[in-house]
Amino acid sequence: MGTMIQTIILSLVAGWGGLWIATKFIPGVSFEGSWQTFLMVAGILGVILIVIRPVLSLLSFILKIIVLGAILFGVLWGLDIVFPELNILGLVPLAWTVLVVGIVSIVLSLFKRKTV
């Protein structure tokens, strides 16, 4: 529960602080309302940051999977060409091999130690 409250507070502070800095230092950005309205606008921005962060994490994860798949595709195709001992006959078996190797790689990466 503590990290959730910390995330909420930091996102709200990021909205308030970021918007305040932008209005003070970026030409063309200003706020003409009351400080209460400013806090409300910046608070809404902070809430949006809270919602967007998990969506960006998901998109980042999906992008990583796609890039990993593309790299594995090329590597396995190259290994199939360079080593006559490895036989991958066609794109469908190659795609399945990429999927299996990718899944095994992802599962094993979950066992890595997290460093501080």
PDB file of N, CA and C in Angstrom:
ATOM      1  N   MET A   1       0.825  -1.206   0.000  1.00  0.00           N
ATOM      2  CA  MET A   1       0.000   0.000   0.000  1.00  0.00           C
ATOM      3  C   MET A   1       0.861   1.258   0.000  1.00  0.00           C
ATOM      4  N   GLY A   2       2.042   1.185   0.630  1.00  0.00           N
ATOM      5  CA  GLY A   2       2.916   2.344   0.718  1.00  0.00           C
ATOM      6  C   GLY A   2       3.416   2.803  -0.635  1.00  0.00           C
ATOM      7  N   THR A   3       3.767   1.859  -1.509  1.00  0.00           N
ATOM      8  CA  THR A   3       4.267   2.249  -2.820  1.00  0.00           C
ATOM      9  C   THR A   3       3.161   2.838  -3.678  1.00  0.00           C
ATOM     10  N   MET A   4       1.924   2.405  -3.462  1.00  0.00           N
ATOM     11  CA  MET A   4       0.808   2.965  -4.222  1.00  0.00           C
ATOM     12  C   MET A   4       0.593   4.433  -3.837  1.00  0.00           C
ATOM     13  N   ILE A   5       0.640   4.711  -2.548  1.00  0.00           N
ATOM     14  CA  ILE A   5       0.475   6.089  -2.079  1.00  0.00           C
ATOM     15  C   ILE A   5       1.654   6.939  -2.562  1.00  0.00           C
ATOM     16  N   GLN A   6       2.855   6.365  -2.528  1.00  0.00           N
ATOM     17  CA  GLN A   6       4.040   7.076  -3.014  1.00  0.00           C
ATOM     18  C   GLN A   6       3.892   7.401  -4.498  1.00  0.00           C
ATOM     19  N   THR A   7       3.403   6.456  -5.287  1.00  0.00           N
ATOM     20  CA  THR A   7       3.197   6.678  -6.720  1.00  0.00           C
ATOM     21  C   THR A   7       2.190   7.799  -6.949  1.00  0.00           C
ATOM     22  N   ILE A   8       1.108   7.794  -6.207  1.00  0.00           N
ATOM     23  CA  ILE A   8       0.086   8.831  -6.349  1.00  0.00           C
ATOM     24  C   ILE A   8       0.669  10.196  -5.996  1.00  0.00           C
ATOM     25  N   ILE A   9       1.365  10.269  -4.874  1.00  0.00           N
ATOM     26  CA  ILE A   9       1.943  11.550  -4.445  1.00  0.00           C
ATOM     27  C   ILE A   9       2.969  12.046  -5.456  1.00  0.00           C
ATOM     28  N   LEU A  10       3.862  11.160  -5.904  1.00  0.00           N
ATOM     29  CA  LEU A  10       4.885  11.580  -6.859  1.00  0.00           C
ATOM     30  C   LEU A  10       4.277  12.014  -8.189  1.00  0.00           C
ATOM     31  N   SER A  11       3.224  11.345  -8.632  1.00  0.00           N
ATOM     32  CA  SER A  11       2.582  11.738  -9.882  1.00  0.00           C
ATOM     33  C   SER A  11       1.897  13.090  -9.751  1.00  0.00           C
ATOM     34  N   LEU A  12       1.254  13.330  -8.623  1.00  0.00           N
ATOM     35  CA  LEU A  12       0.620  14.634  -8.398  1.00  0.00           C
ATOM     36  C   LEU A  12       1.670  15.743  -8.320  1.00  0.00           C
ATOM     37  N   VAL A  13       2.763  15.476  -7.610  1.00  0.00           N
ATOM     38  CA  VAL A  13       3.838  16.466  -7.513  1.00  0.00           C
ATOM     39  C   VAL A  13       4.461  16.703  -8.889  1.00  0.00           C
ATOM     40  N   ALA A  14       4.603  15.638  -9.691  1.00  0.00           N
ATOM     41  CA  ALA A  14       5.142  15.795 -11.047  1.00  0.00           C
ATOM     42  C   ALA A  14       4.229  16.677 -11.885  1.00  0.00           C
ATOM     43  N   GLY A  15       2.924  16.476 -11.767  1.00  0.00           N
ATOM     44  CA  GLY A  15       1.980  17.322 -12.498  1.00  0.00           C
ATOM     45  C   GLY A  15       2.067  18.765 -12.055  1.00  0.00           C
ATOM     46  N   TRP A  16       2.028  18.986 -10.747  1.00  0.00           N
ATOM     47  CA  TRP A  16       2.080  20.347 -10.223  1.00  0.00           C
ATOM     48  C   TRP A  16       3.421  21.009 -10.537  1.00  0.00           C
ATOM     49  N   GLY A  17       4.509  20.316 -10.204  1.00  0.00           N
ATOM     50  CA  GLY A  17       5.843  20.889 -10.405  1.00  0.00           C
ATOM     51  C   GLY A  17       6.162  21.109 -11.875  1.00  0.00           C
ATOM     52  N   GLY A  18       5.862  20.126 -12.684  1.00  0.00           N
ATOM     53  CA  GLY A  18       6.152  20.248 -14.112  1.00  0.00           C
ATOM     54  C   GLY A  18       5.383  21.370 -14.767  1.00  0.00           C
ATOM     55  N   LEU A  19       4.102  21.467 -14.430  1.00  0.00           N
ATOM     56  CA  LEU A  19       3.288  22.531 -15.012  1.00  0.00           C
ATOM     57  C   LEU A  19       3.741  23.901 -14.508  1.00  0.00           C
ATOM     58  N   TRP A  20       4.087  23.997 -13.233  1.00  0.00           N
ATOM     59  CA  TRP A  20       4.556  25.268 -12.681  1.00  0.00           C
ATOM     60  C   TRP A  20       5.859  25.697 -13.369  1.00  0.00           C
ATOM     61  N   ILE A  21       6.816  24.770 -13.495  1.00  0.00           N
ATOM     62  CA  ILE A  21       8.089  25.091 -14.153  1.00  0.00           C
ATOM     63  C   ILE A  21       7.851  25.515 -15.596  1.00  0.00           C
ATOM     64  N   ALA A  22       6.950  24.801 -16.279  1.00  0.00           N
ATOM     65  CA  ALA A  22       6.653  25.145 -17.676  1.00  0.00           C
ATOM     66  C   ALA A  22       6.090  26.557 -17.776  1.00  0.00           C
ATOM     67  N   THR A  23       5.175  26.919 -16.862  1.00  0.00           N
ATOM     68  CA  THR A  23       4.576  28.255 -16.941  1.00  0.00           C
ATOM     69  C   THR A  23       5.580  29.352 -16.594  1.00  0.00           C
ATOM     70  N   LYS A  24       6.580  29.034 -15.799  1.00  0.00           N
ATOM     71  CA  LYS A  24       7.563  30.042 -15.395  1.00  0.00           C
ATOM     72  C   LYS A  24       8.705  30.199 -16.393  1.00  0.00           C
ATOM     73  N   PHE A  25       9.089  29.121 -17.061  1.00  0.00           N
ATOM     74  CA  PHE A  25      10.330  29.146 -17.820  1.00  0.00           C
ATOM     75  C   PHE A  25      10.199  28.868 -19.317  1.00  0.00           C
ATOM     76  N   ILE A  26       9.040  28.439 -19.776  1.00  0.00           N
ATOM     77  CA  ILE A  26       8.890  28.145 -21.204  1.00  0.00           C
ATOM     78  C   ILE A  26       8.058  29.252 -21.846  1.00  0.00           C
ATOM     79  N   PRO A  27       8.655  29.983 -22.777  1.00  0.00           N
ATOM     80  CA  PRO A  27       7.904  31.038 -23.452  1.00  0.00           C
ATOM     81  C   PRO A  27       6.690  30.450 -24.178  1.00  0.00           C
ATOM     82  N   GLY A  28       5.572  31.125 -24.036  1.00  0.00           N
ATOM     83  CA  GLY A  28       4.353  30.678 -24.692  1.00  0.00           C
ATOM     84  C   GLY A  28       3.470  29.822 -23.803  1.00  0.00           C
ATOM     85  N   VAL A  29       3.935  29.499 -22.586  1.00  0.00           N
ATOM     86  CA  VAL A  29       3.131  28.729 -21.632  1.00  0.00           C
ATOM     87  C   VAL A  29       2.813  29.643 -20.463  1.00  0.00           C
ATOM     88  N   SER A  30       1.529  29.794 -20.166  1.00  0.00           N
ATOM     89  CA  SER A  30       1.139  30.628 -19.031  1.00  0.00           C
ATOM     90  C   SER A  30      -0.145  30.079 -18.417  1.00  0.00           C
ATOM     91  N   PHE A  31      -0.432  30.525 -17.204  1.00  0.00           N
ATOM     92  CA  PHE A  31      -1.682  30.167 -16.534  1.00  0.00           C
ATOM     93  C   PHE A  31      -2.226  31.435 -15.909  1.00  0.00           C
ATOM     94  N   GLU A  32      -3.444  31.792 -16.255  1.00  0.00           N
ATOM     95  CA  GLU A  32      -4.012  33.063 -15.820  1.00  0.00           C
ATOM     96  C   GLU A  32      -5.039  32.924 -14.705  1.00  0.00           C
ATOM     97  N   GLY A  33      -5.370  31.702 -14.298  1.00  0.00           N
ATOM     98  CA  GLY A  33      -6.420  31.497 -13.294  1.00  0.00           C
ATOM     99  C   GLY A  33      -5.893  31.579 -11.879  1.00  0.00           C
ATOM    100  N   SER A  34      -6.764  31.207 -10.946  1.00  0.00           N
ATOM    101  CA  SER A  34      -6.409  31.220  -9.527  1.00  0.00           C
ATOM    102  C   SER A  34      -5.500  30.038  -9.198  1.00  0.00           C
ATOM    103  N   TRP A  35      -4.869  30.087  -8.024  1.00  0.00           N
ATOM    104  CA  TRP A  35      -3.997  28.985  -7.624  1.00  0.00           C
ATOM    105  C   TRP A  35      -4.800  27.724  -7.380  1.00  0.00           C
ATOM    106  N   GLN A  36      -6.087  27.879  -6.975  1.00  0.00           N
ATOM    107  CA  GLN A  36      -6.932  26.697  -6.786  1.00  0.00           C
ATOM    108  C   GLN A  36      -7.198  25.995  -8.119  1.00  0.00           C
ATOM    109  N   THR A  37      -7.457  26.795  -9.146  1.00  0.00           N
ATOM    110  CA  THR A  37      -7.692  26.220 -10.472  1.00  0.00           C
ATOM    111  C   THR A  37      -6.409  25.586 -10.996  1.00  0.00           C
ATOM    112  N   PHE A  38      -5.276  26.258 -10.740  1.00  0.00           N
ATOM    113  CA  PHE A  38      -3.995  25.692 -11.151  1.00  0.00           C
ATOM    114  C   PHE A  38      -3.773  24.331 -10.494  1.00  0.00           C
ATOM    115  N   LEU A  39      -4.034  24.243  -9.189  1.00  0.00           N
ATOM    116  CA  LEU A  39      -3.872  22.972  -8.487  1.00  0.00           C
ATOM    117  C   LEU A  39      -4.799  21.905  -9.054  1.00  0.00           C
ATOM    118  N   MET A  40      -6.016  22.307  -9.435  1.00  0.00           N
ATOM    119  CA  MET A  40      -6.964  21.358 -10.006  1.00  0.00           C
ATOM    120  C   MET A  40      -6.457  20.856 -11.370  1.00  0.00           C
ATOM    121  N   VAL A  41      -6.014  21.765 -12.237  1.00  0.00           N
ATOM    122  CA  VAL A  41      -5.507  21.394 -13.562  1.00  0.00           C
ATOM    123  C   VAL A  41      -4.283  20.496 -13.418  1.00  0.00           C
ATOM    124  N   ALA A  42      -3.346  20.906 -12.568  1.00  0.00           N
ATOM    125  CA  ALA A  42      -2.130  20.115 -12.368  1.00  0.00           C
ATOM    126  C   ALA A  42      -2.454  18.768 -11.714  1.00  0.00           C
ATOM    127  N   GLY A  43      -3.435  18.744 -10.827  1.00  0.00           N
ATOM    128  CA  GLY A  43      -3.862  17.487 -10.202  1.00  0.00           C
ATOM    129  C   GLY A  43      -4.444  16.523 -11.221  1.00  0.00           C
ATOM    130  N   ILE A  44      -5.243  17.047 -12.138  1.00  0.00           N
ATOM    131  CA  ILE A  44      -5.789  16.205 -13.211  1.00  0.00           C
ATOM    132  C   ILE A  44      -4.644  15.655 -14.057  1.00  0.00           C
ATOM    133  N   LEU A  45      -3.651  16.498 -14.345  1.00  0.00           N
ATOM    134  CA  LEU A  45      -2.476  16.045 -15.082  1.00  0.00           C
ATOM    135  C   LEU A  45      -1.770  14.925 -14.319  1.00  0.00           C
ATOM    136  N   GLY A  46      -1.639  15.083 -13.010  1.00  0.00           N
ATOM    137  CA  GLY A  46      -1.014  14.049 -12.181  1.00  0.00           C
ATOM    138  C   GLY A  46      -1.786  12.738 -12.211  1.00  0.00           C
ATOM    139  N   VAL A  47      -3.119  12.820 -12.162  1.00  0.00           N
ATOM    140  CA  VAL A  47      -3.954  11.611 -12.231  1.00  0.00           C
ATOM    141  C   VAL A  47      -3.779  10.929 -13.582  1.00  0.00           C
ATOM    142  N   ILE A  48      -3.718  11.720 -14.638  1.00  0.00           N
ATOM    143  CA  ILE A  48      -3.508  11.153 -15.976  1.00  0.00           C
ATOM    144  C   ILE A  48      -2.147  10.458 -16.040  1.00  0.00           C
ATOM    145  N   LEU A  49      -1.131  11.040 -15.405  1.00  0.00           N
ATOM    146  CA  LEU A  49       0.184  10.392 -15.349  1.00  0.00           C
ATOM    147  C   LEU A  49       0.106   9.041 -14.638  1.00  0.00           C
ATOM    148  N   ILE A  50      -0.702   8.978 -13.580  1.00  0.00           N
ATOM    149  CA  ILE A  50      -0.884   7.718 -12.849  1.00  0.00           C
ATOM    150  C   ILE A  50      -1.491   6.657 -13.759  1.00  0.00           C
ATOM    151  N   VAL A  51      -2.465   7.044 -14.564  1.00  0.00           N
ATOM    152  CA  VAL A  51      -3.164   6.099 -15.440  1.00  0.00           C
ATOM    153  C   VAL A  51      -2.283   5.700 -16.621  1.00  0.00           C
ATOM    154  N   ILE A  52      -1.536   6.652 -17.166  1.00  0.00           N
ATOM    155  CA  ILE A  52      -0.745   6.398 -18.377  1.00  0.00           C
ATOM    156  C   ILE A  52       0.455   5.494 -18.100  1.00  0.00           C
ATOM    157  N   ARG A  53       1.048   5.595 -16.929  1.00  0.00           N
ATOM    158  CA  ARG A  53       2.271   4.841 -16.628  1.00  0.00           C
ATOM    159  C   ARG A  53       2.108   3.336 -16.857  1.00  0.00           C
ATOM    160  N   PRO A  54       1.058   2.671 -16.346  1.00  0.00           N
ATOM    161  CA  PRO A  54       0.925   1.230 -16.619  1.00  0.00           C
ATOM    162  C   PRO A  54       0.671   0.932 -18.101  1.00  0.00           C
ATOM    163  N   VAL A  55      -0.042   1.827 -18.786  1.00  0.00           N
ATOM    164  CA  VAL A  55      -0.287   1.630 -20.214  1.00  0.00           C
ATOM    165  C   VAL A  55       1.033   1.686 -20.975  1.00  0.00           C
ATOM    166  N   LEU A  56       1.887   2.652 -20.626  1.00  0.00           N
ATOM    167  CA  LEU A  56       3.197   2.752 -21.268  1.00  0.00           C
ATOM    168  C   LEU A  56       4.066   1.542 -20.958  1.00  0.00           C
ATOM    169  N   SER A  57       3.961   1.034 -19.736  1.00  0.00           N
ATOM    170  CA  SER A  57       4.721  -0.168 -19.390  1.00  0.00           C
ATOM    171  C   SER A  57       4.275  -1.348 -20.241  1.00  0.00           C
ATOM    172  N   LEU A  58       2.970  -1.481 -20.441  1.00  0.00           N
ATOM    173  CA  LEU A  58       2.447  -2.563 -21.277  1.00  0.00           C
ATOM    174  C   LEU A  58       2.908  -2.403 -22.718  1.00  0.00           C
ATOM    175  N   LEU A  59       2.807  -1.189 -23.253  1.00  0.00           N
ATOM    176  CA  LEU A  59       3.253  -0.948 -24.623  1.00  0.00           C
ATOM    177  C   LEU A  59       4.749  -1.202 -24.762  1.00  0.00           C
ATOM    178  N   SER A  60       5.513  -0.807 -23.755  1.00  0.00           N
ATOM    179  CA  SER A  60       6.952  -1.039 -23.772  1.00  0.00           C
ATOM    180  C   SER A  60       7.238  -2.538 -23.771  1.00  0.00           C
ATOM    181  N   PHE A  61       6.498  -3.287 -22.971  1.00  0.00           N
ATOM    182  CA  PHE A  61       6.675  -4.740 -22.920  1.00  0.00           C
ATOM    183  C   PHE A  61       6.354  -5.364 -24.273  1.00  0.00           C
ATOM    184  N   ILE A  62       5.256  -4.933 -24.884  1.00  0.00           N
ATOM    185  CA  ILE A  62       4.864  -5.458 -26.194  1.00  0.00           C
ATOM    186  C   ILE A  62       5.923  -5.128 -27.238  1.00  0.00           C
ATOM    187  N   LEU A  63       6.434  -3.898 -27.208  1.00  0.00           N
ATOM    188  CA  LEU A  63       7.484  -3.503 -28.149  1.00  0.00           C
ATOM    189  C   LEU A  63       8.745  -4.340 -27.949  1.00  0.00           C
ATOM    190  N   LYS A  64       9.110  -4.597 -26.695  1.00  0.00           N
ATOM    191  CA  LYS A  64      10.278  -5.431 -26.418  1.00  0.00           C
ATOM    192  C   LYS A  64      10.082  -6.838 -26.978  1.00  0.00           C
ATOM    193  N   ILE A  65       8.879  -7.379 -26.842  1.00  0.00           N
ATOM    194  CA  ILE A  65       8.585  -8.719 -27.362  1.00  0.00           C
ATOM    195  C   ILE A  65       8.718  -8.728 -28.884  1.00  0.00           C
ATOM    196  N   ILE A  66       8.202  -7.703 -29.537  1.00  0.00           N
ATOM    197  CA  ILE A  66       8.274  -7.630 -31.005  1.00  0.00           C
ATOM    198  C   ILE A  66       9.728  -7.525 -31.462  1.00  0.00           C
ATOM    199  N   VAL A  67      10.512  -6.671 -30.805  1.00  0.00           N
ATOM    200  CA  VAL A  67      11.919  -6.506 -31.174  1.00  0.00           C
ATOM    201  C   VAL A  67      12.689  -7.798 -30.918  1.00  0.00           C
ATOM    202  N   LEU A  68      12.441  -8.426 -29.765  1.00  0.00           N
ATOM    203  CA  LEU A  68      13.092  -9.696 -29.465  1.00  0.00           C
ATOM    204  C   LEU A  68      12.751 -10.731 -30.531  1.00  0.00           C
ATOM    205  N   GLY A  69      11.483 -10.793 -30.923  1.00  0.00           N
ATOM    206  CA  GLY A  69      11.063 -11.738 -31.956  1.00  0.00           C
ATOM    207  C   GLY A  69      11.747 -11.481 -33.290  1.00  0.00           C
ATOM    208  N   ALA A  70      11.845 -10.216 -33.678  1.00  0.00           N
ATOM    209  CA  ALA A  70      12.487  -9.879 -34.952  1.00  0.00           C
ATOM    210  C   ALA A  70      13.971 -10.244 -34.926  1.00  0.00           C
ATOM    211  N   ILE A  71      14.633  -9.953 -33.817  1.00  0.00           N
ATOM    212  CA  ILE A  71      16.050 -10.288 -33.704  1.00  0.00           C
ATOM    213  C   ILE A  71      16.238 -11.802 -33.722  1.00  0.00           C
ATOM    214  N   LEU A  72      15.418 -12.512 -32.946  1.00  0.00           N
ATOM    215  CA  LEU A  72      15.518 -13.973 -32.924  1.00  0.00           C
ATOM    216  C   LEU A  72      15.243 -14.572 -34.301  1.00  0.00           C
ATOM    217  N   PHE A  73      14.287 -13.997 -35.010  1.00  0.00           N
ATOM    218  CA  PHE A  73      13.970 -14.466 -36.359  1.00  0.00           C
ATOM    219  C   PHE A  73      15.215 -14.399 -37.235  1.00  0.00           C
ATOM    220  N   GLY A  74      15.867 -13.243 -37.242  1.00  0.00           N
ATOM    221  CA  GLY A  74      17.065 -13.062 -38.044  1.00  0.00           C
ATOM    222  C   GLY A  74      18.214 -13.950 -37.599  1.00  0.00           C
ATOM    223  N   VAL A  75      18.395 -14.060 -36.290  1.00  0.00           N
ATOM    224  CA  VAL A  75      19.492 -14.876 -35.764  1.00  0.00           C
ATOM    225  C   VAL A  75      19.275 -16.349 -36.107  1.00  0.00           C
ATOM    226  N   LEU A  76      18.056 -16.848 -35.868  1.00  0.00           N
ATOM    227  CA  LEU A  76      17.794 -18.263 -36.166  1.00  0.00           C
ATOM    228  C   LEU A  76      17.887 -18.548 -37.662  1.00  0.00           C
ATOM    229  N   TRP A  77      17.423 -17.625 -38.462  1.00  0.00           N
ATOM    230  CA  TRP A  77      17.522 -17.786 -39.915  1.00  0.00           C
ATOM    231  C   TRP A  77      18.996 -17.837 -40.325  1.00  0.00           C
ATOM    232  N   GLY A  78      19.783 -16.916 -39.767  1.00  0.00           N
ATOM    233  CA  GLY A  78      21.213 -16.905 -40.049  1.00  0.00           C
ATOM    234  C   GLY A  78      21.912 -18.175 -39.580  1.00  0.00           C
ATOM    235  N   LEU A  79      21.558 -18.651 -38.384  1.00  0.00           N
ATOM    236  CA  LEU A  79      22.157 -19.884 -37.880  1.00  0.00           C
ATOM    237  C   LEU A  79      21.782 -21.079 -38.757  1.00  0.00           C
ATOM    238  N   ASP A  80      20.555 -21.070 -39.266  1.00  0.00           N
ATOM    239  CA  ASP A  80      20.116 -22.138 -40.161  1.00  0.00           C
ATOM    240  C   ASP A  80      20.944 -22.130 -41.450  1.00  0.00           C
ATOM    241  N   ILE A  81      21.300 -20.956 -41.911  1.00  0.00           N
ATOM    242  CA  ILE A  81      22.096 -20.834 -43.148  1.00  0.00           C
ATOM    243  C   ILE A  81      23.549 -21.232 -42.900  1.00  0.00           C
ATOM    244  N   VAL A  82      24.114 -20.751 -41.786  1.00  0.00           N
ATOM    245  CA  VAL A  82      25.538 -20.958 -41.505  1.00  0.00           C
ATOM    246  C   VAL A  82      25.837 -22.404 -41.076  1.00  0.00           C
ATOM    247  N   PHE A  83      24.945 -23.006 -40.335  1.00  0.00           N
ATOM    248  CA  PHE A  83      25.183 -24.355 -39.821  1.00  0.00           C
ATOM    249  C   PHE A  83      24.290 -25.359 -40.534  1.00  0.00           C
ATOM    250  N   PRO A  84      24.848 -26.174 -41.405  1.00  0.00           N
ATOM    251  CA  PRO A  84      24.045 -27.155 -42.128  1.00  0.00           C
ATOM    252  C   PRO A  84      23.441 -28.219 -41.205  1.00  0.00           C
ATOM    253  N   GLU A  85      23.985 -28.318 -39.997  1.00  0.00           N
ATOM    254  CA  GLU A  85      23.443 -29.284 -39.040  1.00  0.00           C
ATOM    255  C   GLU A  85      22.054 -28.877 -38.537  1.00  0.00           C
ATOM    256  N   LEU A  86      21.757 -27.568 -38.557  1.00  0.00           N
ATOM    257  CA  LEU A  86      20.449 -27.058 -38.128  1.00  0.00           C
ATOM    258  C   LEU A  86      19.558 -26.937 -39.352  1.00  0.00           C
ATOM    259  N   ASN A  87      18.407 -27.579 -39.299  1.00  0.00           N
ATOM    260  CA  ASN A  87      17.477 -27.551 -40.435  1.00  0.00           C
ATOM    261  C   ASN A  87      16.128 -27.005 -39.984  1.00  0.00           C
ATOM    262  N   ILE A  88      15.813 -25.811 -40.427  1.00  0.00           N
ATOM    263  CA  ILE A  88      14.494 -25.222 -40.194  1.00  0.00           C
ATOM    264  C   ILE A  88      13.889 -25.028 -41.580  1.00  0.00           C
ATOM    265  N   LEU A  89      12.909 -25.856 -41.894  1.00  0.00           N
ATOM    266  CA  LEU A  89      12.371 -25.903 -43.253  1.00  0.00           C
ATOM    267  C   LEU A  89      11.109 -25.044 -43.359  1.00  0.00           C
ATOM    268  N   GLY A  90      11.254 -23.810 -43.779  1.00  0.00           N
ATOM    269  CA  GLY A  90      10.115 -22.935 -44.016  1.00  0.00           C
ATOM    270  C   GLY A  90       9.937 -21.873 -42.953  1.00  0.00           C
ATOM    271  N   LEU A  91       9.082 -20.897 -43.294  1.00  0.00           N
ATOM    272  CA  LEU A  91       8.849 -19.763 -42.394  1.00  0.00           C
ATOM    273  C   LEU A  91       8.001 -20.130 -41.180  1.00  0.00           C
ATOM    274  N   VAL A  92       7.046 -21.045 -41.361  1.00  0.00           N
ATOM    275  CA  VAL A  92       6.188 -21.413 -40.225  1.00  0.00           C
ATOM    276  C   VAL A  92       6.996 -22.120 -39.140  1.00  0.00           C
ATOM    277  N   PRO A  93       7.812 -23.129 -39.467  1.00  0.00           N
ATOM    278  CA  PRO A  93       8.655 -23.717 -38.415  1.00  0.00           C
ATOM    279  C   PRO A  93       9.634 -22.704 -37.808  1.00  0.00           C
ATOM    280  N   LEU A  94      10.134 -21.785 -38.633  1.00  0.00           N
ATOM    281  CA  LEU A  94      11.023 -20.742 -38.122  1.00  0.00           C
ATOM    282  C   LEU A  94      10.279 -19.849 -37.131  1.00  0.00           C
ATOM    283  N   ALA A  95       9.058 -19.455 -37.480  1.00  0.00           N
ATOM    284  CA  ALA A  95       8.253 -18.609 -36.588  1.00  0.00           C
ATOM    285  C   ALA A  95       7.960 -19.332 -35.271  1.00  0.00           C
ATOM    286  N   TRP A  96       7.624 -20.610 -35.341  1.00  0.00           N
ATOM    287  CA  TRP A  96       7.361 -21.379 -34.124  1.00  0.00           C
ATOM    288  C   TRP A  96       8.614 -21.493 -33.264  1.00  0.00           C
ATOM    289  N   THR A  97       9.758 -21.680 -33.907  1.00  0.00           N
ATOM    290  CA  THR A  97      11.025 -21.765 -33.175  1.00  0.00           C
ATOM    291  C   THR A  97      11.328 -20.442 -32.484  1.00  0.00           C
ATOM    292  N   VAL A  98      11.099 -19.336 -33.185  1.00  0.00           N
ATOM    293  CA  VAL A  98      11.280 -18.009 -32.587  1.00  0.00           C
ATOM    294  C   VAL A  98      10.378 -17.857 -31.365  1.00  0.00           C
ATOM    295  N   LEU A  99       9.133 -18.271 -31.492  1.00  0.00           N
ATOM    296  CA  LEU A  99       8.182 -18.165 -30.381  1.00  0.00           C
ATOM    297  C   LEU A  99       8.640 -18.982 -29.177  1.00  0.00           C
ATOM    298  N   VAL A 100       9.059 -20.221 -29.426  1.00  0.00           N
ATOM    299  CA  VAL A 100       9.494 -21.088 -28.326  1.00  0.00           C
ATOM    300  C   VAL A 100      10.742 -20.540 -27.657  1.00  0.00           C
ATOM    301  N   VAL A 101      11.732 -20.156 -28.448  1.00  0.00           N
ATOM    302  CA  VAL A 101      12.977 -19.613 -27.875  1.00  0.00           C
ATOM    303  C   VAL A 101      12.677 -18.320 -27.117  1.00  0.00           C
ATOM    304  N   GLY A 102      11.814 -17.477 -27.662  1.00  0.00           N
ATOM    305  CA  GLY A 102      11.450 -16.229 -26.990  1.00  0.00           C
ATOM    306  C   GLY A 102      10.757 -16.466 -25.666  1.00  0.00           C
ATOM    307  N   ILE A 103       9.818 -17.407 -25.637  1.00  0.00           N
ATOM    308  CA  ILE A 103       9.096 -17.712 -24.393  1.00  0.00           C
ATOM    309  C   ILE A 103      10.054 -18.257 -23.350  1.00  0.00           C
ATOM    310  N   VAL A 104      10.921 -19.189 -23.741  1.00  0.00           N
ATOM    311  CA  VAL A 104      11.893 -19.746 -22.797  1.00  0.00           C
ATOM    312  C   VAL A 104      12.800 -18.643 -22.270  1.00  0.00           C
ATOM    313  N   SER A 105      13.233 -17.747 -23.144  1.00  0.00           N
ATOM    314  CA  SER A 105      14.098 -16.644 -22.731  1.00  0.00           C
ATOM    315  C   SER A 105      13.393 -15.730 -21.733  1.00  0.00           C
ATOM    316  N   ILE A 106      12.141 -15.408 -22.003  1.00  0.00           N
ATOM    317  CA  ILE A 106      11.381 -14.525 -21.104  1.00  0.00           C
ATOM    318  C   ILE A 106      11.154 -15.192 -19.764  1.00  0.00           C
ATOM    319  N   VAL A 107      10.766 -16.466 -19.780  1.00  0.00           N
ATOM    320  CA  VAL A 107      10.524 -17.176 -18.520  1.00  0.00           C
ATOM    321  C   VAL A 107      11.799 -17.244 -17.688  1.00  0.00           C
ATOM    322  N   LEU A 108      12.906 -17.577 -18.327  1.00  0.00           N
ATOM    323  CA  LEU A 108      14.165 -17.651 -17.582  1.00  0.00           C
ATOM    324  C   LEU A 108      14.621 -16.282 -17.085  1.00  0.00           C
ATOM    325  N   SER A 109      14.288 -15.217 -17.808  1.00  0.00           N
ATOM    326  CA  SER A 109      14.675 -13.876 -17.355  1.00  0.00           C
ATOM    327  C   SER A 109      13.931 -13.482 -16.084  1.00  0.00           C
ATOM    328  N   LEU A 110      12.805 -14.114 -15.807  1.00  0.00           N
ATOM    329  CA  LEU A 110      12.068 -13.833 -14.576  1.00  0.00           C
ATOM    330  C   LEU A 110      12.814 -14.332 -13.348  1.00  0.00           C
ATOM    331  N   PHE A 111      13.768 -15.251 -13.545  1.00  0.00           N
ATOM    332  CA  PHE A 111      14.521 -15.811 -12.438  1.00  0.00           C
ATOM    333  C   PHE A 111      15.787 -15.028 -12.129  1.00  0.00           C
ATOM    334  N   LYS A 112      16.084 -13.991 -12.936  1.00  0.00           N
ATOM    335  CA  LYS A 112      17.281 -13.190 -12.678  1.00  0.00           C
ATOM    336  C   LYS A 112      17.153 -12.498 -11.338  1.00  0.00           C
ATOM    337  N   ARG A 113      18.280 -12.313 -10.703  1.00  0.00           N
ATOM    338  CA  ARG A 113      18.278 -11.551  -9.453  1.00  0.00           C
ATOM    339  C   ARG A 113      18.058 -10.086  -9.755  1.00  0.00           C
ATOM    340  N   LYS A 114      17.223  -9.472  -8.959  1.00  0.00           N
ATOM    341  CA  LYS A 114      17.034  -8.032  -9.094  1.00  0.00           C
ATOM    342  C   LYS A 114      18.079  -7.342  -8.247  1.00  0.00           C
ATOM    343  N   THR A 115      18.836  -6.445  -8.912  1.00  0.00           N
ATOM    344  CA  THR A 115      19.877  -5.711  -8.192  1.00  0.00           C
ATOM    345  C   THR A 115      19.341  -4.368  -7.754  1.00  0.00           C
ATOM    346  N   VAL A 116      19.911  -3.864  -6.686  1.00  0.00           N
ATOM    347  CA  VAL A 116      19.462  -2.603  -6.128  1.00  0.00           C
ATOM    348  C   VAL A 116      20.049  -1.456  -6.877  1.00  0.00           C
TER     349      VAL A 116
END
